[in-house]
Amino acid sequence: MLMPCPKCGCKTRIVTSQEMTNETRKAYWQCLNFNCGARFHTLTHVEGIIDSTGLPPDPKLQPELCKGDLNQMGLFESMEQ
């Protein structure tokens, strides 16, 4: 996913993200322009499902899909204050 910096228009990257609900994630971004360095967050929401079997992954066949969410939010605690 690409998103220009809302301050300077340069390239950005997602540093981490947090699950809000099963349908919504908050992504934390950082501007790659050293002169700007803006940090911001966005919300991504599932608007509709196009096609799905609805079956959960098999932990024996796809263990990487069954891992718990990593907590990397400590990186941005100061941003929320």
C-alpha atoms as a PDB file:
ATOM      1  CA  MET A   1       0.000   0.000   0.000  1.00  0.00           C
ATOM      2  CA  LEU A   2       1.367   3.417  -0.926  1.00  0.00           C
ATOM      3  CA  MET A   3       0.483   6.662   0.799  1.00  0.00           C
ATOM      4  CA  PRO A   4       2.179  10.031   0.266  1.00  0.00           C
ATOM      5  CA  CYS A   5       3.093  12.095   3.327  1.00  0.00           C
ATOM      6  CA  PRO A   6       0.205  14.437   4.193  1.00  0.00           C
ATOM      7  CA  LYS A   7       2.734  17.191   5.086  1.00  0.00           C
ATOM      8  CA  CYS A   8       5.312  17.133   2.268  1.00  0.00           C
ATOM      9  CA  GLY A   9       3.998  14.623  -0.306  1.00  0.00           C
ATOM     10  CA  CYS A  10       7.083  12.358  -0.176  1.00  0.00           C
ATOM     11  CA  LYS A  11       7.143   8.579   0.170  1.00  0.00           C
ATOM     12  CA  THR A  12       6.169   6.978   3.483  1.00  0.00           C
ATOM     13  CA  ARG A  13       6.330   3.526   5.030  1.00  0.00           C
ATOM     14  CA  ILE A  14       4.223   1.603   7.507  1.00  0.00           C
ATOM     15  CA  VAL A  15       6.234   1.095  10.684  1.00  0.00           C
ATOM     16  CA  THR A  16       3.688  -1.103  12.472  1.00  0.00           C
ATOM     17  CA  SER A  17      -0.042  -1.690  12.719  1.00  0.00           C
ATOM     18  CA  GLN A  18      -2.588  -2.600  15.360  1.00  0.00           C
ATOM     19  CA  GLU A  19      -5.782  -4.623  15.069  1.00  0.00           C
ATOM     20  CA  MET A  20      -8.765  -2.600  16.242  1.00  0.00           C
ATOM     21  CA  THR A  21     -11.445  -5.157  15.280  1.00  0.00           C
ATOM     22  CA  ASN A  22     -11.564  -8.141  12.913  1.00  0.00           C
ATOM     23  CA  GLU A  23     -12.430  -5.684  10.128  1.00  0.00           C
ATOM     24  CA  THR A  24     -10.306  -2.644  11.075  1.00  0.00           C
ATOM     25  CA  ARG A  25      -6.548  -2.017  11.473  1.00  0.00           C
ATOM     26  CA  LYS A  26      -4.726   1.135  12.489  1.00  0.00           C
ATOM     27  CA  ALA A  27      -1.451   1.584  10.573  1.00  0.00           C
ATOM     28  CA  TYR A  28       1.349   3.810  11.862  1.00  0.00           C
ATOM     29  CA  TRP A  29       3.335   5.551   9.104  1.00  0.00           C
ATOM     30  CA  GLN A  30       6.586   7.507   8.905  1.00  0.00           C
ATOM     31  CA  CYS A  31       7.671   9.940   6.194  1.00  0.00           C
ATOM     32  CA  LEU A  32      10.940   8.925   4.516  1.00  0.00           C
ATOM     33  CA  ASN A  33      11.939  12.567   3.883  1.00  0.00           C
ATOM     34  CA  PHE A  34      14.561  13.311   6.587  1.00  0.00           C
ATOM     35  CA  ASN A  35      13.653  17.015   6.497  1.00  0.00           C
ATOM     36  CA  CYS A  36      10.010  16.206   7.291  1.00  0.00           C
ATOM     37  CA  GLY A  37       9.860  12.936   9.262  1.00  0.00           C
ATOM     38  CA  ALA A  38       6.124  13.255   9.899  1.00  0.00           C
ATOM     39  CA  ARG A  39       4.442  10.365  11.716  1.00  0.00           C
ATOM     40  CA  PHE A  40       0.746   9.704  11.289  1.00  0.00           C
ATOM     41  CA  HIS A  41      -1.784   6.898  11.451  1.00  0.00           C
ATOM     42  CA  THR A  42      -4.559   5.659   9.190  1.00  0.00           C
ATOM     43  CA  LEU A  43      -7.488   3.286   9.572  1.00  0.00           C
ATOM     44  CA  THR A  44      -8.128   0.507   7.068  1.00  0.00           C
ATOM     45  CA  HIS A  45     -11.554  -1.092   7.170  1.00  0.00           C
ATOM     46  CA  VAL A  46     -12.988  -4.086   5.306  1.00  0.00           C
ATOM     47  CA  GLU A  47     -15.861  -2.663   3.286  1.00  0.00           C
ATOM     48  CA  GLY A  48     -17.079  -5.980   1.907  1.00  0.00           C
ATOM     49  CA  ILE A  49     -15.977  -9.538   1.206  1.00  0.00           C
ATOM     50  CA  ILE A  50     -15.709 -10.458  -2.462  1.00  0.00           C
ATOM     51  CA  ASP A  51     -15.258 -14.228  -2.126  1.00  0.00           C
ATOM     52  CA  SER A  52     -14.337 -16.467   0.806  1.00  0.00           C
ATOM     53  CA  THR A  53     -14.756 -20.026   2.010  1.00  0.00           C
ATOM     54  CA  GLY A  54     -14.911 -18.744   5.586  1.00  0.00           C
ATOM     55  CA  LEU A  55     -12.737 -21.590   6.865  1.00  0.00           C
ATOM     56  CA  PRO A  56      -9.890 -20.864   9.321  1.00  0.00           C
ATOM     57  CA  PRO A  57      -6.325 -21.913   8.343  1.00  0.00           C
ATOM     58  CA  ASP A  58      -5.073 -25.356   9.335  1.00  0.00           C
ATOM     59  CA  PRO A  59      -2.250 -24.862  11.901  1.00  0.00           C
ATOM     60  CA  LYS A  60      -0.476 -27.983  10.591  1.00  0.00           C
ATOM     61  CA  LEU A  61      -0.435 -26.708   6.993  1.00  0.00           C
ATOM     62  CA  GLN A  62      -0.066 -22.955   7.588  1.00  0.00           C
ATOM     63  CA  PRO A  63       1.411 -22.358  11.075  1.00  0.00           C
ATOM     64  CA  GLU A  64       2.577 -18.838  10.133  1.00  0.00           C
ATOM     65  CA  LEU A  65      -1.067 -17.764   9.697  1.00  0.00           C
ATOM     66  CA  CYS A  66      -1.991 -19.016  13.168  1.00  0.00           C
ATOM     67  CA  LYS A  67       0.581 -17.032  15.178  1.00  0.00           C
ATOM     68  CA  GLY A  68      -0.585 -14.379  17.638  1.00  0.00           C
ATOM     69  CA  ASP A  69      -0.263 -10.688  16.803  1.00  0.00           C
ATOM     70  CA  LEU A  70       3.134  -9.211  17.713  1.00  0.00           C
ATOM     71  CA  ASN A  71       2.913  -6.223  20.029  1.00  0.00           C
ATOM     72  CA  GLN A  72       5.086  -3.546  18.447  1.00  0.00           C
ATOM     73  CA  MET A  73       3.009  -0.632  19.651  1.00  0.00           C
ATOM     74  CA  GLY A  74       5.652   0.507  22.162  1.00  0.00           C
ATOM     75  CA  LEU A  75       7.406   2.206  19.239  1.00  0.00           C
ATOM     76  CA  PHE A  76       4.569   4.714  18.922  1.00  0.00           C
ATOM     77  CA  GLU A  77       3.349   5.209  22.493  1.00  0.00           C
ATOM     78  CA  SER A  78       4.678   8.764  22.497  1.00  0.00           C
ATOM     79  CA  MET A  79       2.778   9.532  19.270  1.00  0.00           C
ATOM     80  CA  GLU A  80      -0.623   8.895  20.882  1.00  0.00           C
ATOM     81  CA  GLN A  81       0.003  11.239  23.842  1.00  0.00           C
END
